[in-house]
Protein backbone atom coordinates (compact mmCIF):
# COMPACT_ATOMS: atom_id res chain seq x y z
CA MET A 1 -61.92 -32.22 34.52
CA LYS A 2 -59.60 -34.95 33.05
CA LEU A 3 -60.07 -35.62 29.45
CA ARG A 4 -60.97 -39.38 29.77
CA ILE A 5 -64.19 -38.30 32.09
CA ARG A 6 -64.63 -35.56 29.38
CA SER A 7 -64.36 -37.69 26.57
CA THR A 8 -67.36 -39.80 27.96
CA ILE A 9 -69.51 -37.20 28.21
CA ILE A 10 -68.90 -35.84 24.80
CA LEU A 11 -69.26 -39.21 23.17
CA ILE A 12 -72.46 -39.74 24.92
CA CYS A 13 -73.69 -36.49 23.03
CA ILE A 14 -72.29 -37.55 19.76
CA VAL A 15 -74.16 -40.70 19.82
CA ILE A 16 -77.24 -38.84 19.66
CA ALA A 17 -75.95 -36.88 16.80
CA VAL A 18 -74.75 -39.77 14.79
CA SER A 19 -77.86 -41.61 14.74
CA VAL A 20 -79.34 -38.42 12.58
CA ALA A 21 -76.21 -37.29 10.88
CA ALA A 22 -74.58 -40.26 9.53
CA LYS A 23 -76.04 -43.22 7.85
CA GLY A 24 -75.05 -46.60 8.94
CA ILE A 25 -73.64 -45.61 12.42
CA SER A 26 -76.00 -46.09 15.51
CA THR A 27 -73.57 -45.71 17.97
CA LEU A 28 -70.03 -44.11 18.82
CA LYS A 29 -69.18 -46.03 21.79
CA LYS A 30 -66.85 -49.20 21.54
CA ARG A 31 -68.23 -51.53 18.82
CA ASN A 32 -68.09 -55.16 18.72
CA VAL A 33 -68.05 -56.99 15.58
CA SER A 34 -71.60 -57.90 14.46
CA GLU A 35 -72.97 -61.51 15.94
CA GLU A 36 -74.19 -62.01 12.48
CA MET A 37 -70.85 -61.67 10.82
CA PRO A 38 -68.38 -62.70 12.93
CA ILE A 39 -64.93 -62.27 11.24
CA ASP A 40 -63.51 -65.49 12.47
CA GLU A 41 -66.25 -67.28 10.50
CA GLN A 42 -65.69 -65.30 7.62
CA GLU A 43 -62.19 -65.99 6.59
CA ASP A 44 -62.98 -68.14 3.41
CA VAL A 45 -66.15 -66.17 2.57
CA PRO A 46 -65.87 -63.97 -0.34
CA ALA A 47 -66.67 -60.35 -0.12
CA ASP A 48 -69.89 -59.13 -1.52
CA VAL A 49 -68.76 -56.86 -4.03
CA SER A 50 -71.07 -55.28 -6.53
CA THR A 51 -70.62 -52.66 -9.48
CA SER A 52 -73.70 -50.67 -11.25
CA VAL A 53 -73.19 -48.68 -14.26
CA GLU A 54 -75.48 -45.56 -14.96
CA TYR A 55 -75.64 -42.84 -17.70
CA ASP A 56 -76.22 -39.45 -17.50
CA PRO A 57 -79.73 -38.75 -19.39
CA SER A 58 -77.62 -36.33 -21.79
CA ILE A 59 -75.90 -39.34 -23.25
CA SER A 60 -78.11 -40.50 -26.26
CA TYR A 61 -76.63 -44.15 -26.24
CA GLU A 62 -75.45 -46.66 -24.07
CA ASP A 63 -72.83 -48.77 -25.17
CA GLY A 64 -73.31 -52.48 -24.03
CA SER A 65 -69.85 -53.93 -24.57
CA VAL A 66 -68.19 -50.67 -22.62
CA SER A 67 -70.52 -50.92 -19.92
CA LEU A 68 -69.87 -54.52 -19.37
CA LEU A 69 -65.93 -53.84 -19.42
CA LEU A 70 -66.25 -51.14 -16.91
CA LYS A 71 -68.48 -53.20 -14.64
CA GLU A 72 -65.94 -56.06 -14.94
CA PHE A 73 -62.88 -53.84 -14.26
CA ASN A 74 -64.39 -52.24 -11.17
CA ASP A 75 -65.66 -55.70 -9.74
CA LYS A 76 -62.21 -57.07 -9.99
CA MET A 77 -60.42 -54.09 -8.61
CA TYR A 78 -62.73 -53.81 -5.72
CA ARG A 79 -62.63 -57.58 -4.89
CA CYS A 80 -59.28 -57.31 -4.54
CA LEU A 81 -59.09 -54.37 -2.10
CA ALA A 82 -62.17 -55.86 -0.19
CA GLU A 83 -60.29 -59.50 0.33
CA LEU A 84 -56.65 -57.76 0.20
CA LYS A 85 -55.54 -60.33 -2.43
CA GLU A 86 -53.99 -58.98 -5.37
CA GLU A 87 -55.00 -60.48 -8.75
CA ASP A 88 -54.04 -59.05 -12.50
CA LEU A 89 -55.73 -56.43 -13.65
CA THR A 90 -53.25 -55.93 -16.62
CA TYR A 91 -55.37 -58.21 -19.04
CA PHE A 92 -57.89 -55.51 -19.19
CA PHE A 93 -55.27 -53.24 -20.93
CA ALA A 94 -54.31 -53.43 -24.83
CA SER A 95 -50.64 -53.41 -23.66
CA PRO A 96 -50.52 -55.48 -20.52
CA SER A 97 -46.58 -55.00 -20.03
CA GLY A 98 -47.23 -51.05 -20.81
CA TYR A 99 -46.98 -48.09 -18.44
CA GLN A 100 -50.63 -47.55 -17.99
CA ALA A 101 -51.36 -51.36 -16.85
CA LEU A 102 -48.18 -51.45 -14.82
CA ARG A 103 -49.27 -48.19 -13.11
CA THR A 104 -52.70 -49.55 -12.24
CA GLN A 105 -51.38 -52.77 -11.10
CA ILE A 106 -48.82 -51.55 -8.97
CA SER A 107 -50.89 -48.92 -7.49
CA LEU A 108 -53.30 -51.76 -6.45
CA SER A 109 -50.45 -53.66 -4.96
CA THR A 110 -49.27 -50.84 -3.08
CA LEU A 111 -52.70 -50.06 -1.57
CA ILE A 112 -53.31 -53.77 -0.68
CA ALA A 113 -49.83 -53.80 0.99
CA SER A 114 -50.41 -50.93 2.98
CA ARG A 115 -53.86 -51.86 4.29
CA LEU A 116 -52.19 -55.51 5.39
CA VAL A 117 -49.63 -53.95 7.54
CA ARG A 118 -52.23 -51.93 9.51
CA PRO A 119 -53.49 -52.93 13.12
CA GLY A 120 -57.34 -53.25 12.01
CA ASP A 121 -58.93 -55.70 9.70
CA LEU A 122 -59.19 -53.71 6.35
CA ARG A 123 -60.76 -56.30 4.47
CA MET A 124 -64.58 -55.67 3.33
CA VAL A 125 -67.47 -57.66 4.13
CA LYS A 126 -69.43 -55.75 1.46
CA CYS A 127 -68.98 -53.28 -1.14
CA ASP A 128 -71.25 -51.55 -3.36
CA ASN A 129 -70.06 -49.15 -6.11
CA THR A 130 -71.64 -47.14 -8.85
CA LEU A 131 -70.17 -45.75 -11.55
CA TYR A 132 -72.22 -42.51 -13.20
CA ILE A 133 -71.06 -42.20 -16.79
CA ARG A 134 -70.86 -38.34 -17.30
CA SER A 135 -69.62 -38.15 -20.82
CA VAL A 136 -68.57 -40.55 -23.82
CA SER A 137 -66.58 -39.48 -26.57
CA ASP A 138 -64.90 -41.33 -29.89
CA THR A 139 -61.75 -39.73 -31.37
CA GLU A 140 -59.47 -41.29 -33.97
CA GLY A 141 -60.38 -44.92 -32.90
CA LYS A 142 -60.69 -44.51 -29.13
CA THR A 143 -63.46 -43.98 -27.10
CA ILE A 144 -62.74 -41.91 -23.78
CA VAL A 145 -65.43 -42.12 -21.03
CA THR A 146 -65.41 -39.96 -17.93
CA ALA A 147 -67.20 -41.16 -14.85
CA TYR A 148 -68.01 -40.23 -11.49
CA GLU A 149 -67.68 -43.02 -8.72
CA LYS A 150 -69.46 -43.43 -5.37
CA SER A 151 -69.12 -46.29 -2.97
CA GLU A 152 -70.46 -47.66 0.23
CA CYS A 153 -68.29 -50.38 2.04
CA TYR A 154 -68.36 -52.24 5.27
CA PHE A 155 -64.94 -52.92 6.37
CA ALA A 156 -64.55 -56.08 8.59
CA MET A 157 -62.99 -54.33 11.73
CA CYS A 158 -66.52 -52.36 12.02
CA PRO A 159 -68.88 -53.99 9.71
CA ALA A 160 -71.80 -51.93 11.12
CA VAL A 161 -70.14 -48.55 9.85
CA CYS A 162 -70.98 -47.60 6.14
CA SER A 163 -67.86 -46.19 4.98
CA GLN A 164 -68.73 -43.76 1.83
CA CYS A 165 -66.76 -42.38 -1.10
CA SER A 166 -68.43 -40.05 -3.76
CA ASN A 167 -67.74 -38.03 -6.83
CA ILE A 168 -64.23 -39.77 -7.62
CA ARG A 169 -63.69 -38.59 -11.24
CA ILE A 170 -62.24 -41.51 -13.52
CA THR A 171 -61.28 -41.50 -16.99
CA PHE A 172 -60.88 -44.57 -19.22
CA GLU A 173 -59.85 -44.74 -22.63
CA PHE A 174 -60.38 -47.65 -25.05
CA ASP A 175 -59.21 -48.66 -28.17
CA SER A 176 -61.43 -50.14 -30.94
CA ASN A 177 -61.62 -53.82 -29.39
CA CYS A 178 -62.79 -52.56 -26.11
CA LYS A 179 -59.30 -52.72 -24.50
CA LEU A 180 -57.91 -50.04 -21.77
CA THR A 181 -55.09 -47.72 -23.33
CA ALA A 182 -55.53 -45.66 -20.32
CA TYR A 183 -56.97 -45.37 -16.85
CA ASP A 184 -56.91 -42.52 -14.37
CA ARG A 185 -58.62 -41.64 -11.22
CA GLU A 186 -58.55 -38.53 -8.81
CA ASP A 187 -57.99 -39.90 -5.35
CA ASP A 188 -54.99 -41.33 -3.41
CA PHE A 189 -55.01 -44.66 -5.58
CA PHE A 190 -52.31 -43.55 -7.93
CA SER A 191 -50.44 -41.06 -5.49
CA VAL A 192 -47.34 -43.55 -4.86
CA VAL A 193 -46.68 -44.38 -8.57
CA ASP A 194 -47.08 -40.54 -9.50
CA ALA A 195 -45.16 -38.96 -6.47
CA ALA A 196 -42.20 -41.08 -7.74
CA LYS A 197 -42.44 -39.24 -10.96
CA ILE A 198 -41.71 -42.49 -12.69
CA ASN A 199 -41.78 -41.59 -16.77
CA LYS A 200 -43.11 -44.26 -19.12
CA GLU A 201 -39.46 -45.79 -19.62
CA GLY A 202 -38.93 -45.94 -15.95
CA ALA A 203 -36.00 -44.58 -13.75
CA SER A 204 -33.61 -47.12 -15.36
CA GLY A 205 -35.44 -48.26 -18.38
CA ASP A 206 -37.30 -50.72 -16.73
CA VAL A 207 -40.93 -49.34 -15.78
CA LYS A 208 -41.86 -52.18 -13.54
CA ALA A 209 -38.85 -52.40 -11.65
CA ALA A 210 -38.99 -48.74 -11.01
CA MET A 211 -42.71 -49.08 -9.88
CA ASP A 212 -42.03 -52.05 -7.61
CA ALA A 213 -39.10 -50.04 -6.04
CA ALA A 214 -41.54 -47.39 -5.24
CA ARG A 215 -44.19 -49.71 -3.78
CA ILE A 216 -41.61 -51.51 -1.39
CA SER A 217 -40.32 -47.67 -0.35
CA TRP A 218 -43.63 -46.72 0.51
CA THR A 219 -44.57 -49.77 2.42
CA ASP A 220 -41.34 -49.24 4.26
CA ILE A 221 -42.39 -45.82 5.17
CA ILE A 222 -45.85 -46.84 6.63
CA ARG A 223 -44.15 -49.51 8.72
CA ASN A 224 -41.60 -46.87 10.17
CA SER A 225 -44.73 -44.53 10.92
CA MET A 226 -46.48 -47.36 12.49
CA THR A 227 -43.73 -47.50 15.26
CA VAL A 228 -44.88 -44.08 16.44
CA THR A 229 -48.70 -44.99 16.28
CA GLU A 230 -48.70 -48.23 17.57
CA LYS A 231 -46.77 -46.71 20.67
CA GLN A 232 -49.37 -44.27 20.80
CA ARG A 233 -52.19 -46.81 20.54
CA ALA A 234 -50.45 -48.68 23.37
CA GLU A 235 -50.57 -45.64 25.80
CA ILE A 236 -54.46 -45.32 25.29
CA LEU A 237 -55.17 -49.20 25.83
CA SER A 238 -52.94 -48.94 29.10
CA GLY A 239 -55.20 -45.79 30.17
CA LYS A 240 -52.66 -43.00 29.40
CA TYR A 241 -54.67 -39.89 28.10
CA PRO A 242 -53.15 -36.54 27.51
CA GLU A 243 -54.03 -33.69 30.02
CA ASP A 244 -56.69 -31.26 28.91
CA ILE A 245 -55.50 -27.62 27.82
CA ALA A 246 -57.54 -24.95 29.18
CA CYS A 247 -59.02 -22.23 26.85
CA ASP A 248 -61.24 -19.49 26.80
CA HIS A 249 -63.78 -20.91 24.71
CA ARG A 250 -64.65 -24.58 24.14
CA TYR A 251 -64.69 -25.97 20.84
CA ASP A 252 -68.22 -27.24 20.16
CA ARG A 253 -67.61 -30.81 18.87
CA ILE A 254 -71.41 -31.47 18.44
CA LYS A 255 -71.70 -28.71 15.80
CA ALA A 256 -68.39 -29.63 14.27
CA PHE A 257 -69.33 -33.19 13.77
CA LYS A 258 -72.68 -32.25 12.39
CA TYR A 259 -71.24 -30.07 9.77
CA ALA A 260 -68.46 -32.50 8.87
CA SER A 261 -70.99 -35.37 8.23
CA THR A 262 -73.32 -33.21 6.34
CA TYR A 263 -70.62 -31.94 3.84
CA ALA A 264 -68.35 -34.70 3.57
CA LEU A 265 -69.96 -35.91 0.28
CA SER A 266 -70.62 -32.82 -1.48
CA CYS A 267 -69.21 -29.25 -0.76
CA ASN A 268 -71.16 -26.40 0.79
CA ALA A 269 -72.03 -23.70 -1.93
CA SER A 270 -71.54 -20.88 0.51
CA PHE A 271 -67.72 -21.32 -0.09
CA LEU A 272 -65.44 -21.24 -3.02
CA ASP A 273 -64.90 -25.16 -4.07
CA PHE A 274 -61.20 -25.81 -4.24
CA THR A 275 -61.44 -29.20 -5.44
CA THR A 276 -60.20 -28.66 -9.15
CA ILE A 277 -57.54 -25.94 -7.97
CA GLY A 278 -55.37 -28.01 -5.36
CA GLY A 279 -58.20 -29.72 -3.46
CA ASN A 280 -60.70 -29.09 -0.86
CA CYS A 281 -59.96 -30.65 1.98
CA GLN A 282 -58.29 -27.85 4.16
CA ASN A 283 -60.91 -25.57 3.03
CA TYR A 284 -63.74 -28.42 4.29
CA ALA A 285 -61.62 -28.74 7.53
CA SER A 286 -61.31 -25.01 8.23
CA GLN A 287 -65.24 -24.66 7.41
CA VAL A 288 -65.92 -27.77 10.13
CA MET A 289 -63.76 -25.58 12.67
CA ARG A 290 -65.53 -22.34 12.06
CA SER A 291 -68.79 -24.39 12.59
CA GLY A 292 -67.55 -25.37 15.83
CA GLY A 293 -66.94 -21.85 16.70
CA ILE A 294 -63.24 -21.00 16.07
CA PRO A 295 -63.46 -17.33 14.88
CA ASN A 296 -61.35 -15.50 11.96
CA ASP A 297 -57.67 -14.64 13.60
CA THR A 298 -56.31 -11.66 11.91
CA GLU A 299 -53.81 -10.93 14.70
CA GLY A 300 -50.07 -11.73 15.14
CA ASP A 301 -47.57 -13.27 12.92
CA PHE A 302 -49.99 -16.31 12.14
CA LYS A 303 -53.34 -15.81 10.65
CA TRP A 304 -56.46 -17.75 9.85
CA LYS A 305 -59.36 -16.21 8.14
CA TYR A 306 -61.85 -16.37 5.45
CA PHE A 307 -64.03 -13.26 4.93
CA ASP A 308 -64.41 -14.03 0.93
CA ASP A 309 -62.79 -16.06 -2.01
CA SER A 310 -59.93 -13.18 -2.60
CA TYR A 311 -56.32 -13.99 -1.34
CA ASP A 312 -55.32 -11.87 1.43
CA THR A 313 -52.49 -12.32 4.29
CA THR A 314 -52.92 -8.95 5.77
CA SER A 315 -54.82 -8.13 9.01
CA SER A 316 -57.79 -6.67 7.23
CA GLN A 317 -61.21 -8.24 7.27
CA ASN A 318 -61.03 -9.35 3.69
CA GLY A 319 -60.26 -12.30 1.56
CA ARG A 320 -58.79 -15.51 3.03
CA THR A 321 -55.50 -16.62 4.08
CA PRO A 322 -53.49 -19.65 2.84
CA SER A 323 -54.03 -21.60 6.20
CA TRP A 324 -57.62 -21.72 5.70
CA THR A 325 -57.15 -23.66 2.18
CA ALA A 326 -53.63 -25.52 2.54
CA SER A 327 -52.80 -28.27 4.54
CA SER A 328 -49.07 -27.14 5.18
CA SER A 329 -50.17 -23.46 5.69
CA PHE A 330 -52.69 -24.76 8.41
CA ALA A 331 -50.27 -26.70 10.02
CA ASP A 332 -47.89 -23.64 10.60
CA TYR A 333 -50.73 -21.58 11.71
CA ALA A 334 -51.61 -24.39 14.41
CA LYS A 335 -48.14 -25.06 15.56
CA GLY A 336 -47.31 -21.07 15.72
CA ASN A 337 -50.52 -19.38 16.95
CA THR A 338 -50.46 -17.93 20.40
CA GLY A 339 -52.82 -15.45 21.88
CA TYR A 340 -55.93 -14.78 20.09
CA GLY A 341 -57.49 -17.35 18.10
CA LEU A 342 -57.26 -21.24 17.88
CA CYS A 343 -56.19 -23.25 21.14
CA CYS A 344 -55.00 -26.86 20.07
CA ASP A 345 -52.33 -29.34 20.76
CA THR A 346 -50.08 -30.45 17.84
CA ASP A 347 -48.25 -32.92 19.65
CA VAL A 348 -50.84 -35.33 20.87
CA ASN A 349 -51.75 -38.91 20.68
CA MET A 350 -53.70 -39.71 17.70
CA TYR A 351 -55.75 -42.24 19.52
CA ALA A 352 -56.92 -39.46 21.96
CA LEU A 353 -58.64 -37.54 19.24
CA GLU A 354 -62.32 -36.88 19.06
CA ALA A 355 -65.03 -35.79 16.80
CA GLY A 356 -64.21 -32.52 15.06
CA ASP A 357 -60.54 -32.87 15.54
CA LEU A 358 -58.12 -32.99 12.41
CA ILE A 359 -55.49 -35.04 11.08
CA LEU A 360 -52.93 -33.74 8.57
CA MET A 361 -51.38 -36.42 6.15
CA GLU A 362 -47.71 -36.59 4.82
CA GLY A 363 -47.24 -37.17 1.00
CA ILE A 364 -44.25 -39.31 -0.25
CA ASP A 365 -42.31 -36.02 -0.30
CA GLY A 366 -42.81 -35.38 3.43
CA ASP A 367 -45.10 -32.18 2.99
CA TYR A 368 -48.62 -32.14 4.56
CA VAL A 369 -50.67 -32.91 1.49
CA HIS A 370 -54.08 -33.68 2.94
CA THR A 371 -56.44 -32.91 5.90
CA MET A 372 -59.18 -35.20 7.45
CA VAL A 373 -61.72 -34.74 10.29
CA VAL A 374 -62.05 -37.35 12.71
CA ALA A 375 -65.81 -38.63 12.98
CA ALA A 376 -64.86 -41.27 15.61
CA PRO A 377 -62.87 -43.92 17.09
CA ALA A 378 -63.12 -47.49 15.48
CA TYR A 379 -62.67 -50.70 17.80
CA ASP A 380 -61.96 -54.42 17.07
CA LYS A 381 -64.10 -57.09 18.19
CA ALA A 382 -62.49 -57.04 21.58
CA GLY A 383 -63.19 -53.53 22.35
CA ASN A 384 -59.85 -52.21 21.52
CA ILE A 385 -59.16 -49.11 19.44
CA VAL A 386 -57.57 -49.97 16.35
CA ASP A 387 -58.39 -46.84 14.06
CA MET A 388 -60.13 -43.58 13.41
CA LEU A 389 -62.94 -43.26 11.26
CA VAL A 390 -62.52 -39.64 9.24
CA ASP A 391 -64.53 -37.57 6.81
CA SER A 392 -62.96 -35.54 4.18
CA ASN A 393 -63.22 -33.60 0.77
CA SER A 394 -60.96 -34.42 -2.10
CA THR A 395 -61.25 -37.20 -1.72
CA ASN A 396 -64.76 -36.95 -0.32
CA ARG A 397 -65.41 -39.70 2.30
CA ARG A 398 -67.47 -40.12 5.25
CA ASN A 399 -66.82 -42.66 8.03
CA TYR A 400 -63.75 -43.95 6.31
CA PRO A 401 -60.82 -45.87 8.25
CA LEU A 402 -57.94 -43.84 8.20
CA SER A 403 -55.60 -46.35 7.72
CA ALA A 404 -57.48 -47.60 4.79
CA CYS A 405 -56.09 -44.29 2.71
CA LEU A 406 -52.76 -44.49 1.23
CA TYR A 407 -50.88 -42.01 3.60
CA SER A 408 -48.04 -42.68 6.16
CA ASN A 409 -46.82 -39.97 8.62
CA CYS A 410 -49.70 -37.91 10.15
CA LEU A 411 -49.95 -34.73 12.40
CA PRO A 412 -53.01 -35.10 14.82
CA ILE A 413 -54.19 -31.77 15.85
CA ARG A 414 -56.61 -31.75 19.02
CA ILE A 415 -58.57 -28.78 19.25
CA TYR A 416 -59.69 -27.34 22.32
CA GLY A 417 -61.35 -24.04 21.52
CA TRP A 418 -60.32 -20.62 21.16
CA ASN A 419 -58.79 -17.65 23.22
CA ASP A 420 -59.60 -14.29 23.68
CA ALA A 421 -56.84 -11.71 22.94
CA PRO A 422 -54.19 -11.18 25.93
CA VAL A 423 -55.63 -8.08 28.08
CA VAL A 424 -52.66 -5.36 27.82
CA GLN A 425 -52.14 -3.73 31.19
CA PRO A 426 -51.64 -0.25 31.41
CA GLU A 427 -48.15 0.79 32.22
């Protein structure tokens, strides 16, 4: 059966699953922009952005001035992202020209620049975020606040879809004047600056110049990567779909989709959580594949297995292989496996992917550093595909536009199913 015909059948099935499994999505068919909120009429209307601050019950007091600063800072940052218009955040810092302030400002600038060059409208019409304060400590005249952020955003290109993030760990450090002396968040927000390894003095003594150079370089990398993805998008828009690949057992996309949606924002306790030990993204993606029927593969040169938490690269039915938990190792498995196990295509048009397929993302050094699971295509108001909605762990995201994430080149992996071991003919 041709992929296009089969895709229609699968999408019809997924429509039913989505209404139950994913908040905010009522259909996976091509979506037009909501009639109540047409983008052309919203050009000059500010985005609806709000921040709430909540404290863990174990914290004995709530500092009003700190809460106000956290709210003002998050509101300002998210309004910049929602409207894709950069504003100054450095005035929140004790040293506006210092490394921490510039790192935050250039990271924001880079994220905005990367979203502006994408084909879809990545402004937000609405964004609600919550800072859940887990701990507050005072040492040597400084206050350190550890918070976990969750957000629900509605992007302009698909305003009916609720794009969610959760459990983003953020650390704020304040001086006695309630000015920031440090700010850090564990997602891809600072990836460009941190990957460039710019020290506090900068590459040549000028911190801002070094950071600006990193931002320009990364934006150029994204533009170059779009040469490939825009060609792929044009092929799909012209009706050119890749041919299907036969396999012994088909991938159950409905089950994979339901699992991905269920555990996008919180990890499955049945598996070891790698969030704090390198990231849980590929572990989560492997679990999605397992839920769709892909079996442990202990045969041949390329293996993929998870029997328990221990590390084991042998053919035994014990432990786990690096391909289960590491994006780069899984890429090697997906590209190299033959015979028994996973049947997939690693040289495929990204816009032909469906629910349950994977997208591996490159970092600034060219290595695969993150894995995302496809939830559904995203369409513009004319009904043309412009992006893919993805689910992921570390950062925990559900129904999030791929192009809104700060990555460049990608490896789309279309999963068809799995094969039995070849039958050995007697001599």
